[in-house]
Every structure is written in C-alpha cells, then in structure tokens.
Amino acid sequence: MSKYYITGISGTGKSTLAEELKKRGFFTIDIDIEKDLCCWRNKKPGRKLIISLASAAVW
C-alpha cells in the first residue's frame, strides 16, 4: 500500500483534495479535522499552552 503526505501553505487545496480522495474510496487523514492529532505546545517552562487545531477557531 502506498502512502502519501500532502503538505502546503494555507489555501492551496489540501483539505479539498483529501475530501475528493475520500469520495473515491481512499483512506485519508486531515490533521485540521482530527482532534488532538496536531496541536501547539509552549516550549517555555512554567507556561502551559495546548491548543488543538481541529477544535480551535485559530484558522
């Protein structure tokens, strides 16, 4: 089974492509939608910052 990682800047159609591939029967994972798959973490000690990109209104 081949696996592909599609990347690009905002607005280039990655999610649209994933939706179309899913319609055609391919298994896809969109990190913008999957809860807790992608998040931001604060690297400075003593400060807590965890934002799930799927649920945040960051976009």
PDB file of N, CA and C in Angstrom:
ATOM      1  N   MET A   1       0.843  -1.168   0.000  1.00  0.00           N
ATOM      2  CA  MET A   1       0.000   0.000   0.000  1.00  0.00           C
ATOM      3  C   MET A   1       0.895   1.241   0.000  1.00  0.00           C
ATOM      4  N   SER A   2       0.668   2.140  -0.903  1.00  0.00           N
ATOM      5  CA  SER A   2       1.408   3.401  -0.952  1.00  0.00           C
ATOM      6  C   SER A   2       0.809   4.395   0.022  1.00  0.00           C
ATOM      7  N   LYS A   3       1.672   5.228   0.589  1.00  0.00           N
ATOM      8  CA  LYS A   3       1.229   6.285   1.496  1.00  0.00           C
ATOM      9  C   LYS A   3       1.815   7.599   1.013  1.00  0.00           C
ATOM     10  N   TYR A   4       1.018   8.662   1.095  1.00  0.00           N
ATOM     11  CA  TYR A   4       1.456   9.976   0.653  1.00  0.00           C
ATOM     12  C   TYR A   4       1.170  10.996   1.736  1.00  0.00           C
ATOM     13  N   TYR A   5       2.082  11.918   1.927  1.00  0.00           N
ATOM     14  CA  TYR A   5       1.921  13.017   2.873  1.00  0.00           C
ATOM     15  C   TYR A   5       1.847  14.289   2.044  1.00  0.00           C
ATOM     16  N   ILE A   6       0.696  14.929   2.052  1.00  0.00           N
ATOM     17  CA  ILE A   6       0.487  16.123   1.236  1.00  0.00           C
ATOM     18  C   ILE A   6       0.605  17.345   2.130  1.00  0.00           C
ATOM     19  N   THR A   7       1.454  18.267   1.751  1.00  0.00           N
ATOM     20  CA  THR A   7       1.708  19.455   2.553  1.00  0.00           C
ATOM     21  C   THR A   7       1.693  20.695   1.664  1.00  0.00           C
ATOM     22  N   GLY A   8       1.475  21.829   2.269  1.00  0.00           N
ATOM     23  CA  GLY A   8       1.465  23.086   1.532  1.00  0.00           C
ATOM     24  C   GLY A   8       0.958  24.206   2.414  1.00  0.00           C
ATOM     25  N   ILE A   9       1.072  25.416   1.931  1.00  0.00           N
ATOM     26  CA  ILE A   9       0.624  26.574   2.702  1.00  0.00           C
ATOM     27  C   ILE A   9      -0.901  26.649   2.698  1.00  0.00           C
ATOM     28  N   SER A  10      -1.438  27.487   3.561  1.00  0.00           N
ATOM     29  CA  SER A  10      -2.896  27.652   3.677  1.00  0.00           C
ATOM     30  C   SER A  10      -3.512  28.052   2.343  1.00  0.00           C
ATOM     31  N   GLY A  11      -4.661  27.461   2.068  1.00  0.00           N
ATOM     32  CA  GLY A  11      -5.423  27.851   0.884  1.00  0.00           C
ATOM     33  C   GLY A  11      -5.016  27.176  -0.409  1.00  0.00           C
ATOM     34  N   THR A  12      -4.171  26.151  -0.343  1.00  0.00           N
ATOM     35  CA  THR A  12      -3.719  25.508  -1.577  1.00  0.00           C
ATOM     36  C   THR A  12      -4.574  24.322  -2.006  1.00  0.00           C
ATOM     37  N   GLY A  13      -5.548  23.921  -1.154  1.00  0.00           N
ATOM     38  CA  GLY A  13      -6.473  22.862  -1.547  1.00  0.00           C
ATOM     39  C   GLY A  13      -6.186  21.491  -0.965  1.00  0.00           C
ATOM     40  N   LYS A  14      -5.381  21.418   0.083  1.00  0.00           N
ATOM     41  CA  LYS A  14      -5.064  20.122   0.696  1.00  0.00           C
ATOM     42  C   LYS A  14      -6.310  19.430   1.223  1.00  0.00           C
ATOM     43  N   SER A  15      -7.143  20.149   1.960  1.00  0.00           N
ATOM     44  CA  SER A  15      -8.367  19.557   2.521  1.00  0.00           C
ATOM     45  C   SER A  15      -9.359  19.208   1.419  1.00  0.00           C
ATOM     46  N   THR A  16      -9.437  20.025   0.402  1.00  0.00           N
ATOM     47  CA  THR A  16     -10.318  19.748  -0.737  1.00  0.00           C
ATOM     48  C   THR A  16      -9.881  18.475  -1.441  1.00  0.00           C
ATOM     49  N   LEU A  17      -8.582  18.315  -1.627  1.00  0.00           N
ATOM     50  CA  LEU A  17      -8.054  17.098  -2.242  1.00  0.00           C
ATOM     51  C   LEU A  17      -8.360  15.882  -1.375  1.00  0.00           C
ATOM     52  N   ALA A  18      -8.179  16.020  -0.063  1.00  0.00           N
ATOM     53  CA  ALA A  18      -8.472  14.910   0.855  1.00  0.00           C
ATOM     54  C   ALA A  18      -9.942  14.511   0.768  1.00  0.00           C
ATOM     55  N   GLU A  19     -10.841  15.485   0.699  1.00  0.00           N
ATOM     56  CA  GLU A  19     -12.275  15.194   0.575  1.00  0.00           C
ATOM     57  C   GLU A  19     -12.566  14.440  -0.717  1.00  0.00           C
ATOM     58  N   GLU A  20     -11.955  14.872  -1.806  1.00  0.00           N
ATOM     59  CA  GLU A  20     -12.187  14.228  -3.099  1.00  0.00           C
ATOM     60  C   GLU A  20     -11.640  12.799  -3.109  1.00  0.00           C
ATOM     61  N   LEU A  21     -10.459  12.610  -2.540  1.00  0.00           N
ATOM     62  CA  LEU A  21      -9.891  11.263  -2.466  1.00  0.00           C
ATOM     63  C   LEU A  21     -10.758  10.346  -1.610  1.00  0.00           C
ATOM     64  N   LYS A  22     -11.297  10.897  -0.518  1.00  0.00           N
ATOM     65  CA  LYS A  22     -12.177  10.110   0.357  1.00  0.00           C
ATOM     66  C   LYS A  22     -13.437   9.684  -0.397  1.00  0.00           C
ATOM     67  N   LYS A  23     -14.001  10.593  -1.200  1.00  0.00           N
ATOM     68  CA  LYS A  23     -15.185  10.269  -2.009  1.00  0.00           C
ATOM     69  C   LYS A  23     -14.903   9.121  -2.970  1.00  0.00           C
ATOM     70  N   ARG A  24     -13.651   9.022  -3.418  1.00  0.00           N
ATOM     71  CA  ARG A  24     -13.262   7.987  -4.378  1.00  0.00           C
ATOM     72  C   ARG A  24     -12.801   6.699  -3.704  1.00  0.00           C
ATOM     73  N   GLY A  25     -12.971   6.633  -2.369  1.00  0.00           N
ATOM     74  CA  GLY A  25     -12.693   5.386  -1.661  1.00  0.00           C
ATOM     75  C   GLY A  25     -11.334   5.278  -0.998  1.00  0.00           C
ATOM     76  N   PHE A  26     -10.550   6.345  -1.024  1.00  0.00           N
ATOM     77  CA  PHE A  26      -9.243   6.310  -0.383  1.00  0.00           C
ATOM     78  C   PHE A  26      -9.371   6.660   1.095  1.00  0.00           C
ATOM     79  N   PHE A  27      -8.507   6.087   1.915  1.00  0.00           N
ATOM     80  CA  PHE A  27      -8.450   6.423   3.332  1.00  0.00           C
ATOM     81  C   PHE A  27      -7.612   7.687   3.475  1.00  0.00           C
ATOM     82  N   THR A  28      -8.174   8.704   4.128  1.00  0.00           N
ATOM     83  CA  THR A  28      -7.455   9.970   4.300  1.00  0.00           C
ATOM     84  C   THR A  28      -7.501  10.413   5.756  1.00  0.00           C
ATOM     85  N   ILE A  29      -6.501  11.178   6.142  1.00  0.00           N
ATOM     86  CA  ILE A  29      -6.463  11.811   7.457  1.00  0.00           C
ATOM     87  C   ILE A  29      -6.152  13.281   7.227  1.00  0.00           C
ATOM     88  N   ASP A  30      -7.021  14.146   7.703  1.00  0.00           N
ATOM     89  CA  ASP A  30      -6.822  15.595   7.597  1.00  0.00           C
ATOM     90  C   ASP A  30      -6.489  16.104   8.996  1.00  0.00           C
ATOM     91  N   ILE A  31      -5.250  16.555   9.221  1.00  0.00           N
ATOM     92  CA  ILE A  31      -4.851  16.940  10.579  1.00  0.00           C
ATOM     93  C   ILE A  31      -5.582  18.177  11.079  1.00  0.00           C
ATOM     94  N   ASP A  32      -6.204  18.930  10.185  1.00  0.00           N
ATOM     95  CA  ASP A  32      -7.004  20.079  10.620  1.00  0.00           C
ATOM     96  C   ASP A  32      -8.321  19.632  11.249  1.00  0.00           C
ATOM     97  N   ILE A  33      -8.762  18.427  10.939  1.00  0.00           N
ATOM     98  CA  ILE A  33     -10.056  17.933  11.408  1.00  0.00           C
ATOM     99  C   ILE A  33      -9.917  16.940  12.562  1.00  0.00           C
ATOM    100  N   GLU A  34      -8.886  16.095  12.525  1.00  0.00           N
ATOM    101  CA  GLU A  34      -8.709  15.058  13.548  1.00  0.00           C
ATOM    102  C   GLU A  34      -8.346  15.680  14.894  1.00  0.00           C
ATOM    103  N   LYS A  35      -9.186  15.451  15.900  1.00  0.00           N
ATOM    104  CA  LYS A  35      -8.976  16.021  17.231  1.00  0.00           C
ATOM    105  C   LYS A  35      -7.688  15.491  17.853  1.00  0.00           C
ATOM    106  N   ASP A  36      -6.896  16.392  18.398  1.00  0.00           N
ATOM    107  CA  ASP A  36      -5.653  16.094  19.125  1.00  0.00           C
ATOM    108  C   ASP A  36      -4.552  15.459  18.278  1.00  0.00           C
ATOM    109  N   LEU A  37      -4.702  15.441  16.971  1.00  0.00           N
ATOM    110  CA  LEU A  37      -3.636  14.910  16.129  1.00  0.00           C
ATOM    111  C   LEU A  37      -2.539  15.954  15.934  1.00  0.00           C
ATOM    112  N   CYS A  38      -2.931  17.199  15.915  1.00  0.00           N
ATOM    113  CA  CYS A  38      -1.983  18.290  15.742  1.00  0.00           C
ATOM    114  C   CYS A  38      -2.309  19.373  16.767  1.00  0.00           C
ATOM    115  N   CYS A  39      -1.303  19.860  17.461  1.00  0.00           N
ATOM    116  CA  CYS A  39      -1.545  20.902  18.455  1.00  0.00           C
ATOM    117  C   CYS A  39      -0.296  21.754  18.638  1.00  0.00           C
ATOM    118  N   TRP A  40      -0.472  22.903  19.251  1.00  0.00           N
ATOM    119  CA  TRP A  40       0.644  23.785  19.585  1.00  0.00           C
ATOM    120  C   TRP A  40       0.974  23.595  21.049  1.00  0.00           C
ATOM    121  N   ARG A  41       2.249  23.541  21.381  1.00  0.00           N
ATOM    122  CA  ARG A  41       2.689  23.408  22.766  1.00  0.00           C
ATOM    123  C   ARG A  41       3.715  24.496  23.061  1.00  0.00           C
ATOM    124  N   ASN A  42       3.616  25.083  24.245  1.00  0.00           N
ATOM    125  CA  ASN A  42       4.550  26.107  24.672  1.00  0.00           C
ATOM    126  C   ASN A  42       5.840  25.440  25.132  1.00  0.00           C
ATOM    127  N   LYS A  43       6.980  25.844  24.578  1.00  0.00           N
ATOM    128  CA  LYS A  43       8.260  25.245  24.935  1.00  0.00           C
ATOM    129  C   LYS A  43       8.892  25.888  26.163  1.00  0.00           C
ATOM    130  N   LYS A  44       8.353  27.024  26.627  1.00  0.00           N
ATOM    131  CA  LYS A  44       8.916  27.698  27.791  1.00  0.00           C
ATOM    132  C   LYS A  44       8.385  27.052  29.063  1.00  0.00           C
ATOM    133  N   PRO A  45       9.284  26.680  29.988  1.00  0.00           N
ATOM    134  CA  PRO A  45       8.824  26.053  31.223  1.00  0.00           C
ATOM    135  C   PRO A  45       7.967  26.997  32.066  1.00  0.00           C
ATOM    136  N   GLY A  46       7.020  26.410  32.754  1.00  0.00           N
ATOM    137  CA  GLY A  46       6.164  27.198  33.632  1.00  0.00           C
ATOM    138  C   GLY A  46       4.950  27.803  32.958  1.00  0.00           C
ATOM    139  N   ARG A  47       4.891  27.736  31.662  1.00  0.00           N
ATOM    140  CA  ARG A  47       3.742  28.278  30.930  1.00  0.00           C
ATOM    141  C   ARG A  47       3.075  27.140  30.173  1.00  0.00           C
ATOM    142  N   LYS A  48       1.796  27.026  30.352  1.00  0.00           N
ATOM    143  CA  LYS A  48       1.056  25.938  29.719  1.00  0.00           C
ATOM    144  C   LYS A  48       0.243  26.485  28.550  1.00  0.00           C
ATOM    145  N   LEU A  49       0.410  25.907  27.391  1.00  0.00           N
ATOM    146  CA  LEU A  49      -0.352  26.291  26.205  1.00  0.00           C
ATOM    147  C   LEU A  49      -0.524  25.051  25.353  1.00  0.00           C
ATOM    148  N   ILE A  50      -1.720  24.573  25.269  1.00  0.00           N
ATOM    149  CA  ILE A  50      -2.023  23.450  24.384  1.00  0.00           C
ATOM    150  C   ILE A  50      -3.301  23.810  23.639  1.00  0.00           C
ATOM    151  N   ILE A  51      -3.195  23.938  22.337  1.00  0.00           N
ATOM    152  CA  ILE A  51      -4.338  24.293  21.502  1.00  0.00           C
ATOM    153  C   ILE A  51      -4.518  23.195  20.459  1.00  0.00           C
ATOM    154  N   SER A  52      -5.650  22.554  20.469  1.00  0.00           N
ATOM    155  CA  SER A  52      -5.967  21.582  19.439  1.00  0.00           C
ATOM    156  C   SER A  52      -6.424  22.350  18.206  1.00  0.00           C
ATOM    157  N   LEU A  53      -5.733  22.174  17.107  1.00  0.00           N
ATOM    158  CA  LEU A  53      -6.045  22.937  15.902  1.00  0.00           C
ATOM    159  C   LEU A  53      -7.397  22.566  15.316  1.00  0.00           C
ATOM    160  N   ALA A  54      -7.828  21.336  15.520  1.00  0.00           N
ATOM    161  CA  ALA A  54      -9.105  20.897  14.957  1.00  0.00           C
ATOM    162  C   ALA A  54     -10.282  21.599  15.607  1.00  0.00           C
ATOM    163  N   SER A  55     -10.182  21.883  16.894  1.00  0.00           N
ATOM    164  CA  SER A  55     -11.326  22.465  17.589  1.00  0.00           C
ATOM    165  C   SER A  55     -11.201  23.971  17.783  1.00  0.00           C
ATOM    166  N   ALA A  56     -10.039  24.525  17.528  1.00  0.00           N
ATOM    167  CA  ALA A  56      -9.819  25.954  17.774  1.00  0.00           C
ATOM    168  C   ALA A  56     -10.309  26.789  16.597  1.00  0.00           C
ATOM    169  N   ALA A  57     -10.659  28.005  16.898  1.00  0.00           N
ATOM    170  CA  ALA A  57     -11.049  28.945  15.844  1.00  0.00           C
ATOM    171  C   ALA A  57      -9.821  29.694  15.350  1.00  0.00           C
ATOM    172  N   VAL A  58      -8.663  29.049  15.430  1.00  0.00           N
ATOM    173  CA  VAL A  58      -7.397  29.662  15.032  1.00  0.00           C
ATOM    174  C   VAL A  58      -7.398  29.962  13.544  1.00  0.00           C
ATOM    175  N   TRP A  59      -8.004  29.079  12.757  1.00  0.00           N
ATOM    176  CA  TRP A  59      -7.996  29.241  11.312  1.00  0.00           C
ATOM    177  C   TRP A  59      -8.990  30.280  10.921  1.00  0.00           C
TER     178      TRP A  59
END
